[in-house]
Protein backbone atom coordinates (compact mmCIF):
# COMPACT_ATOMS: atom_id res chain seq x y z
CA MET A 1 302.56 -7.58 36.12
CA ALA A 2 298.90 -8.27 36.95
CA LEU A 3 299.05 -11.49 34.89
CA ARG A 4 302.14 -12.68 36.78
CA PHE A 5 300.43 -11.88 40.12
CA MET A 6 297.32 -13.87 39.04
CA SER A 7 299.53 -16.78 37.99
CA SER A 8 301.24 -16.78 41.39
CA GLY A 9 297.85 -16.67 43.08
CA MET A 10 296.64 -19.66 41.05
CA ARG A 11 299.76 -21.65 41.99
CA LEU A 12 299.19 -20.77 45.63
CA LEU A 13 295.56 -21.93 45.44
CA ALA A 14 296.59 -25.17 43.73
CA SER A 15 299.20 -25.77 46.41
CA ALA A 16 296.66 -25.09 49.18
CA SER A 17 294.20 -27.48 47.54
CA SER A 18 296.88 -30.18 47.36
CA MET A 19 297.72 -29.67 51.04
CA SER A 20 294.03 -29.86 51.92
CA GLU A 21 293.70 -33.22 50.15
CA ALA A 22 296.78 -34.54 51.98
CA GLY A 23 295.33 -33.24 55.25
CA GLY A 24 292.08 -35.05 54.54
CA ALA A 25 293.95 -38.31 54.10
CA LEU A 26 295.85 -37.73 57.33
CA ALA A 27 292.67 -36.71 59.16
CA GLN A 28 291.36 -40.25 58.75
CA TRP A 29 294.26 -41.41 60.95
CA ALA A 30 293.82 -38.70 63.62
CA PRO A 31 291.50 -40.75 65.88
CA LEU A 32 294.03 -43.61 66.14
CA PRO A 33 296.53 -42.02 68.56
CA LEU A 34 293.61 -40.52 70.49
CA ARG A 35 291.98 -43.95 70.80
CA LEU A 36 295.26 -45.51 71.91
CA ILE A 37 296.06 -43.01 74.67
CA VAL A 38 292.49 -42.65 75.99
CA GLY A 39 291.90 -46.41 75.90
CA LEU A 40 295.25 -47.14 77.52
CA GLY A 41 294.47 -44.65 80.29
CA PHE A 42 291.24 -46.43 81.14
CA LEU A 43 292.89 -49.84 80.90
CA ALA A 44 295.67 -48.73 83.26
CA HIS A 45 293.20 -47.39 85.83
CA GLY A 46 291.01 -50.49 85.59
CA TYR A 47 294.02 -52.79 85.91
CA ALA A 48 295.30 -50.82 88.93
CA LYS A 49 291.93 -51.29 90.65
CA LEU A 50 291.89 -54.98 89.77
CA SER A 51 295.48 -55.68 90.85
CA ARG A 52 295.08 -53.85 94.19
CA GLY A 53 291.75 -55.55 94.71
CA PRO A 54 288.44 -53.85 94.01
CA GLU A 55 287.70 -54.10 97.76
CA ASN A 56 290.35 -51.39 98.31
CA PHE A 57 288.58 -49.13 95.83
CA ALA A 58 285.29 -50.05 97.54
CA ALA A 59 286.74 -48.67 100.80
CA VAL A 60 287.41 -45.35 99.03
CA LEU A 61 283.87 -45.33 97.65
CA HIS A 62 282.50 -46.12 101.13
CA THR A 63 284.34 -43.15 102.69
CA LEU A 64 282.80 -40.93 99.98
CA GLY A 65 279.34 -42.16 100.97
CA VAL A 66 278.70 -43.97 97.69
CA PRO A 67 275.89 -46.55 98.03
CA ALA A 68 276.73 -50.20 97.28
CA PRO A 69 280.48 -49.50 97.22
CA HIS A 70 281.53 -53.12 96.58
CA LEU A 71 279.20 -53.50 93.61
CA LEU A 72 280.23 -50.13 92.15
CA ALA A 73 283.93 -50.87 92.70
CA TRP A 74 283.65 -54.04 90.61
CA LEU A 75 281.42 -52.31 88.06
CA THR A 76 283.82 -49.37 87.70
CA THR A 77 286.77 -51.75 87.30
CA ALA A 78 284.92 -53.75 84.61
CA VAL A 79 283.79 -50.62 82.75
CA GLU A 80 287.34 -49.23 82.70
CA LEU A 81 288.83 -52.52 81.47
CA ILE A 82 286.14 -53.35 78.90
CA GLY A 83 285.56 -49.73 77.83
CA GLY A 84 289.29 -49.03 77.55
CA SER A 85 289.71 -52.13 75.38
CA ALA A 86 286.76 -51.08 73.21
CA VAL A 87 288.20 -47.59 72.71
CA ILE A 88 291.61 -48.99 71.73
CA ALA A 89 290.01 -51.38 69.24
CA GLY A 90 287.67 -48.68 67.97
CA ALA A 91 284.72 -50.93 68.77
CA PHE A 92 281.36 -49.36 69.62
CA VAL A 93 283.21 -46.20 70.69
CA ALA A 94 280.14 -43.96 70.92
CA LEU A 95 278.36 -46.53 73.11
CA ALA A 96 281.45 -47.29 75.24
CA SER A 97 281.97 -43.57 75.81
CA ILE A 98 278.76 -43.24 77.82
CA PRO A 99 279.66 -45.34 80.91
CA LEU A 100 283.26 -44.11 80.71
CA ALA A 101 282.04 -40.50 80.77
CA VAL A 102 279.78 -41.31 83.74
CA ILE A 103 282.81 -42.60 85.67
CA LEU A 104 284.79 -39.48 84.77
CA LEU A 105 281.99 -37.10 85.74
CA THR A 106 281.48 -38.94 89.02
CA ALA A 107 285.20 -38.63 89.82
CA LEU A 108 285.14 -34.98 88.77
CA PHE A 109 282.28 -34.00 91.08
CA THR A 110 283.03 -36.27 94.04
CA ILE A 111 286.81 -35.91 94.29
CA HIS A 112 288.67 -33.64 91.90
CA LEU A 113 286.54 -30.49 91.56
CA HIS A 114 287.42 -28.91 94.90
CA TYR A 115 291.17 -29.39 94.24
CA GLY A 116 291.04 -26.91 91.35
CA PHE A 117 291.93 -27.17 87.70
CA PHE A 118 295.59 -28.19 87.63
CA SER A 119 296.52 -31.86 87.75
CA VAL A 120 300.16 -31.26 88.55
CA LYS A 121 300.77 -29.21 91.68
CA LEU A 122 304.35 -28.96 92.82
CA VAL A 123 304.48 -28.93 96.63
CA GLU A 124 308.21 -29.08 97.24
CA VAL A 125 311.55 -30.19 95.92
CA THR A 126 313.98 -31.58 98.49
CA GLU A 127 317.03 -33.80 98.52
CA MET A 128 314.61 -36.71 98.90
CA GLY A 129 312.89 -35.80 95.65
CA THR A 130 309.91 -33.94 94.29
CA ARG A 131 306.56 -34.01 96.07
CA PHE A 132 303.31 -33.22 94.32
CA GLY A 133 299.95 -32.20 95.77
CA THR A 134 296.37 -33.18 95.12
CA VAL A 135 295.14 -33.82 91.61
CA GLY A 136 292.65 -31.38 90.06
CA TYR A 137 290.22 -31.96 87.23
CA GLU A 138 292.39 -30.98 84.25
CA ILE A 139 293.06 -34.55 83.08
CA ILE A 140 289.43 -35.54 83.54
CA LEU A 141 288.44 -32.78 81.13
CA LEU A 142 291.06 -34.02 78.64
CA TYR A 143 289.66 -37.56 78.85
CA LEU A 144 286.11 -36.25 78.40
CA ALA A 145 287.21 -34.19 75.39
CA GLY A 146 288.93 -37.24 73.89
CA LEU A 147 285.86 -39.42 74.37
CA GLY A 148 283.63 -36.70 72.96
CA ALA A 149 285.83 -36.25 69.89
CA LEU A 150 285.87 -39.99 69.24
CA ALA A 151 282.13 -40.40 69.80
CA ALA A 152 281.29 -37.45 67.54
CA GLY A 153 283.97 -37.91 64.87
CA GLY A 154 284.17 -41.68 64.72
CA ALA A 155 286.88 -44.20 65.52
CA GLY A 156 288.74 -43.64 62.25
CA ARG A 157 291.05 -46.02 60.44
CA LEU A 158 292.00 -49.44 61.77
CA SER A 159 288.86 -49.67 63.88
CA VAL A 160 286.21 -52.29 64.43
CA ASP A 161 283.56 -49.59 63.94
CA ARG A 162 284.82 -48.84 60.44
CA TRP A 163 285.10 -52.54 59.64
CA LEU A 164 281.53 -53.15 60.82
CA ALA A 165 280.32 -50.24 58.69
CA GLY A 166 281.66 -52.11 55.65
CA GLY A 167 284.85 -50.16 55.18
CA GLY A 168 287.11 -53.01 56.23
CA GLY A 169 289.30 -50.41 57.89
CA ARG A 170 289.64 -48.49 54.61
CA ARG A 171 287.53 -45.80 53.02
CA PRO A 172 286.89 -46.36 49.30
CA ARG A 173 288.59 -43.87 46.97
CA PRO A 174 286.40 -41.46 45.06
CA GLY A 175 285.00 -43.15 41.98
CA GLN A 176 285.33 -46.66 43.45
CA ALA A 177 282.37 -48.73 44.59
């Protein structure tokens, strides 16, 4: 009986080891969807500022008392477009994360913090449709966590960063040079 129990335990350990190896292979791909959604979010916000005209965003910055609002409106738009593209491509992700995080932290402390945590606040539902309230800082924290994970863990497969490191987008298999 004890021998059969040990044999079952060994099979279980072998199975767990096999699953761990499969998880390791999948883990290399984990940054890709994170890069795509975080990068796309920044691209979308940068494009919205550009298509509406950065001078409209400058007016918002001016009402907040931000110095040099026109310069910072253009700079924010450029950082979101270039940084978002870099994150999607997995290019210089740790470096690109710095100005993107500065933009997020600025938005967090100047606008979103006093609206509370939740980003979706249902105000009312009428025959005319659903109306939502002010946006809190929940999504900003998610973006910051995504940037932090990518900066700390690397851009992963199919990234410029991996290609520049000599991996050509692939990690060599154990035992290969």
